[in-house]
C-alpha cells in the first residue's frame, strides 16, 4: 500500500473497523499510520463505532477528525418500508407483525 500511495493522491476507505479483532486492529492502525507518514497525499475514511475512537486517535496521532453520524428515525422507517416491500414471502407476515417491526426496530436502532 505504501508504494502505491506514495506517488499520487490516494484515498483509502475502511468500513467497520470496530468489527476487526482488537489484536489485528492495532496492526491495521499502525500500518495505516506508516502509510500516512510516508505518503502525505493519502487521505483515509474510516468508519467504526464510538468505542474505538480513543484507540484510533492513539494510533493515528494528530491525523484524526471525528464526525458522529446517527440515523434519523424517519430514515430507518423508510428503509424498513422499502425492505418489507421487497419481501418474497408476503403471506408469511401479517399486519400485526409488520407494525411490530416498524415500531420496535427504529426504537432499538436509535441508541446504537
PDB file of N, CA and C in Angstrom:
ATOM      1  N   UNK A   1       0.832  -1.185   0.000  1.00  0.00           N
ATOM      2  CA  UNK A   1       0.000   0.000   0.000  1.00  0.00           C
ATOM      3  C   UNK A   1       0.876   1.249   0.000  1.00  0.00           C
ATOM      4  N   UNK A   2       1.961   1.170   0.727  1.00  0.00           N
ATOM      5  CA  UNK A   2       2.854   2.324   0.840  1.00  0.00           C
ATOM      6  C   UNK A   2       3.353   2.784  -0.527  1.00  0.00           C
ATOM      7  N   UNK A   3       3.818   1.854  -1.348  1.00  0.00           N
ATOM      8  CA  UNK A   3       4.371   2.247  -2.645  1.00  0.00           C
ATOM      9  C   UNK A   3       3.287   2.767  -3.573  1.00  0.00           C
ATOM     10  N   UNK A   4       2.097   2.208  -3.510  1.00  0.00           N
ATOM     11  CA  UNK A   4       1.004   2.689  -4.358  1.00  0.00           C
ATOM     12  C   UNK A   4       0.560   4.080  -3.955  1.00  0.00           C
ATOM     13  N   UNK A   5       0.611   4.369  -2.666  1.00  0.00           N
ATOM     14  CA  UNK A   5       0.123   5.654  -2.166  1.00  0.00           C
ATOM     15  C   UNK A   5       1.179   6.749  -2.204  1.00  0.00           C
ATOM     16  N   UNK A   6       2.428   6.403  -2.407  1.00  0.00           N
ATOM     17  CA  UNK A   6       3.489   7.397  -2.271  1.00  0.00           C
ATOM     18  C   UNK A   6       3.588   8.362  -3.449  1.00  0.00           C
ATOM     19  N   UNK A   7       3.133   7.981  -4.620  1.00  0.00           N
ATOM     20  CA  UNK A   7       3.334   8.812  -5.794  1.00  0.00           C
ATOM     21  C   UNK A   7       2.146   9.695  -6.154  1.00  0.00           C
ATOM     22  N   UNK A   8       0.947   9.289  -5.823  1.00  0.00           N
ATOM     23  CA  UNK A   8      -0.251  10.016  -6.231  1.00  0.00           C
ATOM     24  C   UNK A   8      -1.146  10.261  -5.024  1.00  0.00           C
ATOM     25  N   UNK A   9      -2.096  11.167  -5.209  1.00  0.00           N
ATOM     26  CA  UNK A   9      -3.108  11.334  -4.179  1.00  0.00           C
ATOM     27  C   UNK A   9      -3.915  10.045  -4.130  1.00  0.00           C
ATOM     28  N   UNK A  10      -4.017   9.491  -2.943  1.00  0.00           N
ATOM     29  CA  UNK A  10      -4.665   8.199  -2.768  1.00  0.00           C
ATOM     30  C   UNK A  10      -5.719   8.303  -1.674  1.00  0.00           C
ATOM     31  N   UNK A  11      -6.836   7.635  -1.898  1.00  0.00           N
ATOM     32  CA  UNK A  11      -7.904   7.590  -0.909  1.00  0.00           C
ATOM     33  C   UNK A  11      -8.091   6.151  -0.462  1.00  0.00           C
ATOM     34  N   UNK A  12      -8.095   5.947   0.841  1.00  0.00           N
ATOM     35  CA  UNK A  12      -8.288   4.624   1.426  1.00  0.00           C
ATOM     36  C   UNK A  12      -9.552   4.674   2.274  1.00  0.00           C
ATOM     37  N   UNK A  13     -10.435   3.725   2.068  1.00  0.00           N
ATOM     38  CA  UNK A  13     -11.681   3.674   2.825  1.00  0.00           C
ATOM     39  C   UNK A  13     -11.757   2.332   3.548  1.00  0.00           C
ATOM     40  N   UNK A  14     -11.950   2.395   4.847  1.00  0.00           N
ATOM     41  CA  UNK A  14     -12.078   1.183   5.660  1.00  0.00           C
ATOM     42  C   UNK A  14     -13.391   1.282   6.428  1.00  0.00           C
ATOM     43  N   UNK A  15     -14.257   0.337   6.191  1.00  0.00           N
ATOM     44  CA  UNK A  15     -15.564   0.336   6.828  1.00  0.00           C
ATOM     45  C   UNK A  15     -15.584  -0.649   7.991  1.00  0.00           C
ATOM     46  N   UNK A  16     -16.247  -0.266   9.071  1.00  0.00           N
ATOM     47  CA  UNK A  16     -16.486  -1.129  10.237  1.00  0.00           C
ATOM     48  C   UNK A  16     -15.193  -1.594  10.897  1.00  0.00           C
ATOM     49  N   UNK A  17     -14.276  -0.683  11.120  1.00  0.00           N
ATOM     50  CA  UNK A  17     -13.018  -1.038  11.777  1.00  0.00           C
ATOM     51  C   UNK A  17     -13.262  -1.652  13.156  1.00  0.00           C
ATOM     52  N   UNK A  18     -14.328  -1.277  13.807  1.00  0.00           N
ATOM     53  CA  UNK A  18     -14.645  -1.823  15.126  1.00  0.00           C
ATOM     54  C   UNK A  18     -14.939  -3.325  15.083  1.00  0.00           C
ATOM     55  N   UNK A  19     -15.268  -3.852  13.909  1.00  0.00           N
ATOM     56  CA  UNK A  19     -15.552  -5.277  13.789  1.00  0.00           C
ATOM     57  C   UNK A  19     -14.281  -6.110  13.609  1.00  0.00           C
ATOM     58  N   UNK A  20     -13.161  -5.450  13.431  1.00  0.00           N
ATOM     59  CA  UNK A  20     -11.876  -6.131  13.338  1.00  0.00           C
ATOM     60  C   UNK A  20     -11.453  -6.539  14.752  1.00  0.00           C
ATOM     61  N   UNK A  21     -10.937  -7.751  14.904  1.00  0.00           N
ATOM     62  CA  UNK A  21     -10.481  -8.197  16.226  1.00  0.00           C
ATOM     63  C   UNK A  21      -9.438  -7.219  16.759  1.00  0.00           C
ATOM     64  N   UNK A  22      -9.493  -6.935  18.040  1.00  0.00           N
ATOM     65  CA  UNK A  22      -8.638  -5.917  18.657  1.00  0.00           C
ATOM     66  C   UNK A  22      -7.152  -6.128  18.348  1.00  0.00           C
ATOM     67  N   UNK A  23      -6.684  -7.351  18.390  1.00  0.00           N
ATOM     68  CA  UNK A  23      -5.256  -7.601  18.144  1.00  0.00           C
ATOM     69  C   UNK A  23      -4.864  -7.255  16.708  1.00  0.00           C
ATOM     70  N   UNK A  24      -5.780  -7.472  15.765  1.00  0.00           N
ATOM     71  CA  UNK A  24      -5.487  -7.135  14.367  1.00  0.00           C
ATOM     72  C   UNK A  24      -5.724  -5.655  14.104  1.00  0.00           C
ATOM     73  N   UNK A  25      -6.681  -5.072  14.827  1.00  0.00           N
ATOM     74  CA  UNK A  25      -6.981  -3.649  14.651  1.00  0.00           C
ATOM     75  C   UNK A  25      -5.758  -2.800  14.962  1.00  0.00           C
ATOM     76  N   UNK A  26      -5.006  -3.167  15.994  1.00  0.00           N
ATOM     77  CA  UNK A  26      -3.779  -2.450  16.338  1.00  0.00           C
ATOM     78  C   UNK A  26      -2.805  -2.505  15.166  1.00  0.00           C
ATOM     79  N   UNK A  27      -2.651  -3.672  14.576  1.00  0.00           N
ATOM     80  CA  UNK A  27      -1.743  -3.826  13.441  1.00  0.00           C
ATOM     81  C   UNK A  27      -2.217  -3.025  12.231  1.00  0.00           C
ATOM     82  N   UNK A  28      -3.513  -3.043  11.993  1.00  0.00           N
ATOM     83  CA  UNK A  28      -4.069  -2.286  10.870  1.00  0.00           C
ATOM     84  C   UNK A  28      -3.820  -0.799  11.073  1.00  0.00           C
ATOM     85  N   UNK A  29      -4.116  -0.295  12.260  1.00  0.00           N
ATOM     86  CA  UNK A  29      -3.925   1.134  12.535  1.00  0.00           C
ATOM     87  C   UNK A  29      -2.452   1.532  12.457  1.00  0.00           C
ATOM     88  N   UNK A  30      -1.578   0.704  12.971  1.00  0.00           N
ATOM     89  CA  UNK A  30      -0.145   1.006  12.883  1.00  0.00           C
ATOM     90  C   UNK A  30       0.318   1.029  11.427  1.00  0.00           C
ATOM     91  N   UNK A  31      -0.181   0.097  10.625  1.00  0.00           N
ATOM     92  CA  UNK A  31       0.160   0.078   9.197  1.00  0.00           C
ATOM     93  C   UNK A  31      -0.375   1.313   8.488  1.00  0.00           C
ATOM     94  N   UNK A  32      -1.588   1.698   8.819  1.00  0.00           N
ATOM     95  CA  UNK A  32      -2.159   2.908   8.215  1.00  0.00           C
ATOM     96  C   UNK A  32      -1.361   4.144   8.609  1.00  0.00           C
ATOM     97  N   UNK A  33      -0.893   4.180   9.834  1.00  0.00           N
ATOM     98  CA  UNK A  33      -0.067   5.297  10.283  1.00  0.00           C
ATOM     99  C   UNK A  33       1.225   5.371   9.469  1.00  0.00           C
ATOM    100  N   UNK A  34       1.827   4.228   9.204  1.00  0.00           N
ATOM    101  CA  UNK A  34       3.039   4.197   8.378  1.00  0.00           C
ATOM    102  C   UNK A  34       2.759   4.728   6.979  1.00  0.00           C
ATOM    103  N   UNK A  35       1.638   4.331   6.412  1.00  0.00           N
ATOM    104  CA  UNK A  35       1.269   4.819   5.079  1.00  0.00           C
ATOM    105  C   UNK A  35       1.113   6.336   5.106  1.00  0.00           C
ATOM    106  N   UNK A  36       0.423   6.851   6.106  1.00  0.00           N
ATOM    107  CA  UNK A  36       0.214   8.297   6.210  1.00  0.00           C
ATOM    108  C   UNK A  36       1.527   9.049   6.385  1.00  0.00           C
ATOM    109  N   UNK A  37       2.444   8.498   7.155  1.00  0.00           N
ATOM    110  CA  UNK A  37       3.736   9.158   7.360  1.00  0.00           C
ATOM    111  C   UNK A  37       4.544   9.208   6.072  1.00  0.00           C
ATOM    112  N   UNK A  38       4.487   8.153   5.279  1.00  0.00           N
ATOM    113  CA  UNK A  38       5.277   8.100   4.060  1.00  0.00           C
ATOM    114  C   UNK A  38       4.586   8.674   2.843  1.00  0.00           C
ATOM    115  N   UNK A  39       3.305   8.968   2.962  1.00  0.00           N
ATOM    116  CA  UNK A  39       2.526   9.443   1.820  1.00  0.00           C
ATOM    117  C   UNK A  39       1.606  10.577   2.249  1.00  0.00           C
ATOM    118  N   UNK A  40       2.122  11.799   2.308  1.00  0.00           N
ATOM    119  CA  UNK A  40       1.310  12.913   2.795  1.00  0.00           C
ATOM    120  C   UNK A  40       0.078  13.207   1.943  1.00  0.00           C
ATOM    121  N   UNK A  41       0.035  12.718   0.712  1.00  0.00           N
ATOM    122  CA  UNK A  41      -1.131  12.929  -0.146  1.00  0.00           C
ATOM    123  C   UNK A  41      -2.239  11.922   0.070  1.00  0.00           C
ATOM    124  N   UNK A  42      -2.031  10.988   0.972  1.00  0.00           N
ATOM    125  CA  UNK A  42      -3.033   9.952   1.219  1.00  0.00           C
ATOM    126  C   UNK A  42      -4.095  10.465   2.188  1.00  0.00           C
ATOM    127  N   UNK A  43      -5.325  10.165   1.874  1.00  0.00           N
ATOM    128  CA  UNK A  43      -6.455  10.512   2.729  1.00  0.00           C
ATOM    129  C   UNK A  43      -7.190   9.234   3.073  1.00  0.00           C
ATOM    130  N   UNK A  44      -7.668   9.147   4.308  1.00  0.00           N
ATOM    131  CA  UNK A  44      -8.376   7.945   4.753  1.00  0.00           C
ATOM    132  C   UNK A  44      -9.738   8.306   5.299  1.00  0.00           C
ATOM    133  N   UNK A  45     -10.670   7.408   5.054  1.00  0.00           N
ATOM    134  CA  UNK A  45     -12.008   7.498   5.635  1.00  0.00           C
ATOM    135  C   UNK A  45     -12.243   6.170   6.331  1.00  0.00           C
ATOM    136  N   UNK A  46     -12.425   6.219   7.635  1.00  0.00           N
ATOM    137  CA  UNK A  46     -12.579   5.005   8.431  1.00  0.00           C
ATOM    138  C   UNK A  46     -13.883   5.117   9.199  1.00  0.00           C
ATOM    139  N   UNK A  47     -14.692   4.060   9.137  1.00  0.00           N
ATOM    140  CA  UNK A  47     -15.911   4.051   9.930  1.00  0.00           C
ATOM    141  C   UNK A  47     -15.779   3.037  11.052  1.00  0.00           C
ATOM    142  N   UNK A  48     -16.475   3.307  12.141  1.00  0.00           N
ATOM    143  CA  UNK A  48     -16.474   2.395  13.275  1.00  0.00           C
ATOM    144  C   UNK A  48     -17.324   2.972  14.393  1.00  0.00           C
ATOM    145  N   UNK A  49     -17.674   2.131  15.309  1.00  0.00           N
ATOM    146  CA  UNK A  49     -18.476   2.585  16.449  1.00  0.00           C
ATOM    147  C   UNK A  49     -17.605   3.391  17.406  1.00  0.00           C
ATOM    148  N   UNK A  50     -18.251   4.228  18.224  1.00  0.00           N
ATOM    149  CA  UNK A  50     -17.509   5.163  19.081  1.00  0.00           C
ATOM    150  C   UNK A  50     -16.515   4.538  20.052  1.00  0.00           C
ATOM    151  N   UNK A  51     -16.699   3.283  20.444  1.00  0.00           N
ATOM    152  CA  UNK A  51     -15.821   2.703  21.467  1.00  0.00           C
ATOM    153  C   UNK A  51     -14.375   2.533  21.004  1.00  0.00           C
ATOM    154  N   UNK A  52     -14.085   2.658  19.705  1.00  0.00           N
ATOM    155  CA  UNK A  52     -12.696   2.530  19.239  1.00  0.00           C
ATOM    156  C   UNK A  52     -12.046   3.892  18.986  1.00  0.00           C
ATOM    157  N   UNK A  53     -12.780   4.954  19.211  1.00  0.00           N
ATOM    158  CA  UNK A  53     -12.284   6.306  18.923  1.00  0.00           C
ATOM    159  C   UNK A  53     -10.950   6.600  19.614  1.00  0.00           C
ATOM    160  N   UNK A  54     -10.835   6.265  20.887  1.00  0.00           N
ATOM    161  CA  UNK A  54      -9.596   6.522  21.636  1.00  0.00           C
ATOM    162  C   UNK A  54      -8.430   5.752  21.034  1.00  0.00           C
ATOM    163  N   UNK A  55      -8.668   4.514  20.683  1.00  0.00           N
ATOM    164  CA  UNK A  55      -7.624   3.688  20.084  1.00  0.00           C
ATOM    165  C   UNK A  55      -7.169   4.264  18.735  1.00  0.00           C
ATOM    166  N   UNK A  56      -8.112   4.712  17.937  1.00  0.00           N
ATOM    167  CA  UNK A  56      -7.772   5.297  16.625  1.00  0.00           C
ATOM    168  C   UNK A  56      -6.944   6.561  16.822  1.00  0.00           C
ATOM    169  N   UNK A  57      -7.367   7.414  17.731  1.00  0.00           N
ATOM    170  CA  UNK A  57      -6.607   8.655  17.987  1.00  0.00           C
ATOM    171  C   UNK A  57      -5.201   8.360  18.506  1.00  0.00           C
ATOM    172  N   UNK A  58      -5.065   7.327  19.319  1.00  0.00           N
ATOM    173  CA  UNK A  58      -3.758   6.959  19.856  1.00  0.00           C
ATOM    174  C   UNK A  58      -2.838   6.442  18.749  1.00  0.00           C
ATOM    175  N   UNK A  59      -3.369   5.634  17.861  1.00  0.00           N
ATOM    176  CA  UNK A  59      -2.561   5.017  16.799  1.00  0.00           C
ATOM    177  C   UNK A  59      -2.331   5.941  15.602  1.00  0.00           C
ATOM    178  N   UNK A  60      -3.194   6.934  15.443  1.00  0.00           N
ATOM    179  CA  UNK A  60      -3.050   7.905  14.355  1.00  0.00           C
ATOM    180  C   UNK A  60      -3.015   9.319  14.945  1.00  0.00           C
ATOM    181  N   UNK A  61      -2.015   9.599  15.771  1.00  0.00           N
ATOM    182  CA  UNK A  61      -1.999  10.873  16.498  1.00  0.00           C
ATOM    183  C   UNK A  61      -1.954  12.084  15.563  1.00  0.00           C
ATOM    184  N   UNK A  62      -2.827  13.052  15.866  1.00  0.00           N
ATOM    185  CA  UNK A  62      -2.846  14.302  15.114  1.00  0.00           C
ATOM    186  C   UNK A  62      -3.402  14.180  13.709  1.00  0.00           C
ATOM    187  N   UNK A  63      -3.950  13.029  13.361  1.00  0.00           N
ATOM    188  CA  UNK A  63      -4.398  12.808  11.990  1.00  0.00           C
ATOM    189  C   UNK A  63      -5.883  12.464  11.899  1.00  0.00           C
ATOM    190  N   UNK A  64      -6.620  12.638  12.980  1.00  0.00           N
ATOM    191  CA  UNK A  64      -8.000  12.175  13.035  1.00  0.00           C
ATOM    192  C   UNK A  64      -8.964  13.330  13.247  1.00  0.00           C
ATOM    193  N   UNK A  65      -9.984  13.349  12.420  1.00  0.00           N
ATOM    194  CA  UNK A  65     -11.122  14.227  12.627  1.00  0.00           C
ATOM    195  C   UNK A  65     -12.328  13.314  12.793  1.00  0.00           C
ATOM    196  N   UNK A  66     -13.091  13.520  13.830  1.00  0.00           N
ATOM    197  CA  UNK A  66     -14.219  12.642  14.130  1.00  0.00           C
ATOM    198  C   UNK A  66     -15.521  13.323  13.739  1.00  0.00           C
ATOM    199  N   UNK A  67     -16.359  12.564  13.064  1.00  0.00           N
ATOM    200  CA  UNK A  67     -17.689  13.037  12.700  1.00  0.00           C
ATOM    201  C   UNK A  67     -18.677  11.990  13.192  1.00  0.00           C
ATOM    202  N   UNK A  68     -19.584  12.403  14.008  1.00  0.00           N
ATOM    203  CA  UNK A  68     -20.602  11.476  14.518  1.00  0.00           C
ATOM    204  C   UNK A  68     -21.767  11.439  13.531  1.00  0.00           C
ATOM    205  N   UNK A  69     -22.129  10.239  13.130  1.00  0.00           N
ATOM    206  CA  UNK A  69     -23.232  10.054  12.199  1.00  0.00           C
ATOM    207  C   UNK A  69     -24.271   9.168  12.869  1.00  0.00           C
ATOM    208  N   UNK A  70     -25.480   9.661  12.964  1.00  0.00           N
ATOM    209  CA  UNK A  70     -26.550   8.868  13.560  1.00  0.00           C
ATOM    210  C   UNK A  70     -27.751   8.884  12.617  1.00  0.00           C
ATOM    211  N   UNK A  71     -28.416   7.745  12.499  1.00  0.00           N
ATOM    212  CA  UNK A  71     -29.581   7.692  11.617  1.00  0.00           C
ATOM    213  C   UNK A  71     -30.768   8.406  12.245  1.00  0.00           C
ATOM    214  N   UNK A  72     -31.572   9.016  11.405  1.00  0.00           N
ATOM    215  CA  UNK A  72     -32.824   9.616  11.885  1.00  0.00           C
ATOM    216  C   UNK A  72     -33.895   8.535  11.898  1.00  0.00           C
ATOM    217  N   UNK A  73     -34.796   8.640  12.820  1.00  0.00           N
ATOM    218  CA  UNK A  73     -35.868   7.646  12.953  1.00  0.00           C
ATOM    219  C   UNK A  73     -36.648   7.507  11.649  1.00  0.00           C
ATOM    220  N   UNK A  74     -36.941   8.631  10.996  1.00  0.00           N
ATOM    221  CA  UNK A  74     -37.688   8.583   9.734  1.00  0.00           C
ATOM    222  C   UNK A  74     -36.922   7.824   8.650  1.00  0.00           C
ATOM    223  N   UNK A  75     -35.595   7.970   8.633  1.00  0.00           N
ATOM    224  CA  UNK A  75     -34.781   7.245   7.652  1.00  0.00           C
ATOM    225  C   UNK A  75     -34.855   5.731   7.891  1.00  0.00           C
ATOM    226  N   UNK A  76     -34.829   5.343   9.154  1.00  0.00           N
ATOM    227  CA  UNK A  76     -34.907   3.920   9.497  1.00  0.00           C
ATOM    228  C   UNK A  76     -36.265   3.358   9.066  1.00  0.00           C
ATOM    229  N   UNK A  77     -37.323   4.094   9.340  1.00  0.00           N
ATOM    230  CA  UNK A  77     -38.667   3.640   8.975  1.00  0.00           C
ATOM    231  C   UNK A  77     -38.803   3.543   7.455  1.00  0.00           C
ATOM    232  N   UNK A  78     -38.287   4.519   6.730  1.00  0.00           N
ATOM    233  CA  UNK A  78     -38.334   4.462   5.257  1.00  0.00           C
ATOM    234  C   UNK A  78     -37.587   3.244   4.739  1.00  0.00           C
ATOM    235  N   UNK A  79     -36.420   2.982   5.318  1.00  0.00           N
ATOM    236  CA  UNK A  79     -35.636   1.811   4.920  1.00  0.00           C
ATOM    237  C   UNK A  79     -36.415   0.524   5.184  1.00  0.00           C
ATOM    238  N   UNK A  80     -37.018   0.434   6.353  1.00  0.00           N
ATOM    239  CA  UNK A  80     -37.780  -0.770   6.694  1.00  0.00           C
ATOM    240  C   UNK A  80     -38.962  -0.962   5.749  1.00  0.00           C
ATOM    241  N   UNK A  81     -39.677   0.123   5.432  1.00  0.00           N
ATOM    242  CA  UNK A  81     -40.790   0.034   4.477  1.00  0.00           C
ATOM    243  C   UNK A  81     -40.288  -0.505   3.140  1.00  0.00           C
ATOM    244  N   UNK A  82     -39.160   0.002   2.699  1.00  0.00           N
ATOM    245  CA  UNK A  82     -38.586  -0.439   1.430  1.00  0.00           C
ATOM    246  C   UNK A  82     -38.263  -1.925   1.462  1.00  0.00           C
ATOM    247  N   UNK A  83     -37.596  -2.354   2.528  1.00  0.00           N
ATOM    248  CA  UNK A  83     -37.207  -3.773   2.637  1.00  0.00           C
ATOM    249  C   UNK A  83     -38.425  -4.680   2.791  1.00  0.00           C
ATOM    250  N   UNK A  84     -39.404  -4.246   3.560  1.00  0.00           N
ATOM    251  CA  UNK A  84     -40.608  -5.055   3.732  1.00  0.00           C
ATOM    252  C   UNK A  84     -41.373  -5.165   2.413  1.00  0.00           C
ATOM    253  N   UNK A  85     -41.301  -4.125   1.585  1.00  0.00           N
ATOM    254  CA  UNK A  85     -41.940  -4.154   0.277  1.00  0.00           C
ATOM    255  C   UNK A  85     -41.275  -5.126  -0.684  1.00  0.00           C
ATOM    256  N   UNK A  86     -40.037  -5.506  -0.402  1.00  0.00           N
ATOM    257  CA  UNK A  86     -39.300  -6.456  -1.245  1.00  0.00           C
ATOM    258  C   UNK A  86     -39.439  -7.898  -0.755  1.00  0.00           C
ATOM    259  N   UNK A  87     -40.251  -8.119   0.253  1.00  0.00           N
ATOM    260  CA  UNK A  87     -40.402  -9.451   0.842  1.00  0.00           C
ATOM    261  C   UNK A  87     -40.889 -10.444  -0.214  1.00  0.00           C
ATOM    262  N   UNK A  88     -40.166 -11.543  -0.343  1.00  0.00           N
ATOM    263  CA  UNK A  88     -40.521 -12.553  -1.344  1.00  0.00           C
ATOM    264  C   UNK A  88     -41.576 -13.533  -0.839  1.00  0.00           C
ATOM    265  N   UNK A  89     -41.886 -13.461   0.447  1.00  0.00           N
ATOM    266  CA  UNK A  89     -42.944 -14.304   1.019  1.00  0.00           C
ATOM    267  C   UNK A  89     -43.912 -13.422   1.812  1.00  0.00           C
ATOM    268  N   UNK A  90     -44.665 -12.570   1.112  1.00  0.00           N
ATOM    269  CA  UNK A  90     -45.531 -11.616   1.817  1.00  0.00           C
ATOM    270  C   UNK A  90     -46.614 -12.276   2.678  1.00  0.00           C
ATOM    271  N   UNK A  91     -47.002 -13.491   2.353  1.00  0.00           N
ATOM    272  CA  UNK A  91     -48.042 -14.167   3.140  1.00  0.00           C
ATOM    273  C   UNK A  91     -47.540 -14.604   4.511  1.00  0.00           C
ATOM    274  N   UNK A  92     -46.230 -14.591   4.706  1.00  0.00           N
ATOM    275  CA  UNK A  92     -45.660 -15.012   5.987  1.00  0.00           C
ATOM    276  C   UNK A  92     -45.777 -13.929   7.053  1.00  0.00           C
ATOM    277  N   UNK A  93     -46.150 -12.717   6.648  1.00  0.00           N
ATOM    278  CA  UNK A  93     -46.213 -11.611   7.607  1.00  0.00           C
ATOM    279  C   UNK A  93     -47.610 -11.001   7.613  1.00  0.00           C
ATOM    280  N   UNK A  94     -48.182 -10.901   8.800  1.00  0.00           N
ATOM    281  CA  UNK A  94     -49.472 -10.220   8.902  1.00  0.00           C
ATOM    282  C   UNK A  94     -49.254  -8.764   9.302  1.00  0.00           C
ATOM    283  N   UNK A  95     -50.314  -8.001   9.328  1.00  0.00           N
ATOM    284  CA  UNK A  95     -50.187  -6.564   9.613  1.00  0.00           C
ATOM    285  C   UNK A  95     -49.690  -6.304  11.035  1.00  0.00           C
ATOM    286  N   UNK A  96     -49.998  -7.202  11.959  1.00  0.00           N
ATOM    287  CA  UNK A  96     -49.541  -7.033  13.338  1.00  0.00           C
ATOM    288  C   UNK A  96     -48.022  -7.166  13.438  1.00  0.00           C
ATOM    289  N   UNK A  97     -47.465  -8.171  12.750  1.00  0.00           N
ATOM    290  CA  UNK A  97     -46.005  -8.349  12.750  1.00  0.00           C
ATOM    291  C   UNK A  97     -45.317  -7.167  12.082  1.00  0.00           C
ATOM    292  N   UNK A  98     -45.857  -6.716  10.967  1.00  0.00           N
ATOM    293  CA  UNK A  98     -45.283  -5.559  10.270  1.00  0.00           C
ATOM    294  C   UNK A  98     -45.298  -4.324  11.183  1.00  0.00           C
ATOM    295  N   UNK A  99     -46.402  -4.104  11.884  1.00  0.00           N
ATOM    296  CA  UNK A  99     -46.498  -2.963  12.809  1.00  0.00           C
ATOM    297  C   UNK A  99     -45.469  -3.091  13.932  1.00  0.00           C
ATOM    298  N   UNK A 100     -45.282  -4.309  14.441  1.00  0.00           N
ATOM    299  CA  UNK A 100     -44.285  -4.535  15.496  1.00  0.00           C
ATOM    300  C   UNK A 100     -42.874  -4.213  14.993  1.00  0.00           C
ATOM    301  N   UNK A 101     -42.566  -4.646  13.782  1.00  0.00           N
ATOM    302  CA  UNK A 101     -41.252  -4.373  13.189  1.00  0.00           C
ATOM    303  C   UNK A 101     -41.035  -2.873  13.052  1.00  0.00           C
ATOM    304  N   UNK A 102     -42.043  -2.176  12.532  1.00  0.00           N
ATOM    305  CA  UNK A 102     -41.918  -0.734  12.300  1.00  0.00           C
ATOM    306  C   UNK A 102     -41.897   0.072  13.601  1.00  0.00           C
ATOM    307  N   UNK A 103     -42.357  -0.515  14.682  1.00  0.00           N
ATOM    308  CA  UNK A 103     -42.329   0.166  15.977  1.00  0.00           C
ATOM    309  C   UNK A 103     -41.044  -0.153  16.741  1.00  0.00           C
ATOM    310  N   UNK A 104     -40.671  -1.422  16.785  1.00  0.00           N
ATOM    311  CA  UNK A 104     -39.568  -1.855  17.646  1.00  0.00           C
ATOM    312  C   UNK A 104     -38.177  -1.566  17.066  1.00  0.00           C
ATOM    313  N   UNK A 105     -37.949  -1.863  15.819  1.00  0.00           N
ATOM    314  CA  UNK A 105     -36.603  -1.709  15.257  1.00  0.00           C
ATOM    315  C   UNK A 105     -36.129  -0.252  15.306  1.00  0.00           C
ATOM    316  N   UNK A 106     -36.927   0.736  14.868  1.00  0.00           N
ATOM    317  CA  UNK A 106     -36.427   2.118  14.964  1.00  0.00           C
ATOM    318  C   UNK A 106     -36.083   2.524  16.401  1.00  0.00           C
ATOM    319  N   UNK A 107     -36.852   2.026  17.357  1.00  0.00           N
ATOM    320  CA  UNK A 107     -36.593   2.327  18.768  1.00  0.00           C
ATOM    321  C   UNK A 107     -35.273   1.717  19.208  1.00  0.00           C
ATOM    322  N   UNK A 108     -35.023   0.456  18.847  1.00  0.00           N
ATOM    323  CA  UNK A 108     -33.795  -0.231  19.242  1.00  0.00           C
ATOM    324  C   UNK A 108     -32.556   0.338  18.548  1.00  0.00           C
ATOM    325  N   UNK A 109     -32.694   0.703  17.277  1.00  0.00           N
ATOM    326  CA  UNK A 109     -31.552   1.171  16.492  1.00  0.00           C
ATOM    327  C   UNK A 109     -31.132   2.586  16.891  1.00  0.00           C
ATOM    328  N   UNK A 110     -32.055   3.399  17.343  1.00  0.00           N
ATOM    329  CA  UNK A 110     -31.749   4.806  17.615  1.00  0.00           C
ATOM    330  C   UNK A 110     -30.669   4.987  18.666  1.00  0.00           C
ATOM    331  N   UNK A 111     -30.473   4.013  19.545  1.00  0.00           N
ATOM    332  CA  UNK A 111     -29.448   4.127  20.574  1.00  0.00           C
ATOM    333  C   UNK A 111     -28.096   3.579  20.175  1.00  0.00           C
ATOM    334  N   UNK A 112     -27.954   3.126  18.939  1.00  0.00           N
ATOM    335  CA  UNK A 112     -26.696   2.491  18.512  1.00  0.00           C
ATOM    336  C   UNK A 112     -25.934   3.379  17.577  1.00  0.00           C
TER     337      UNK A 112
END
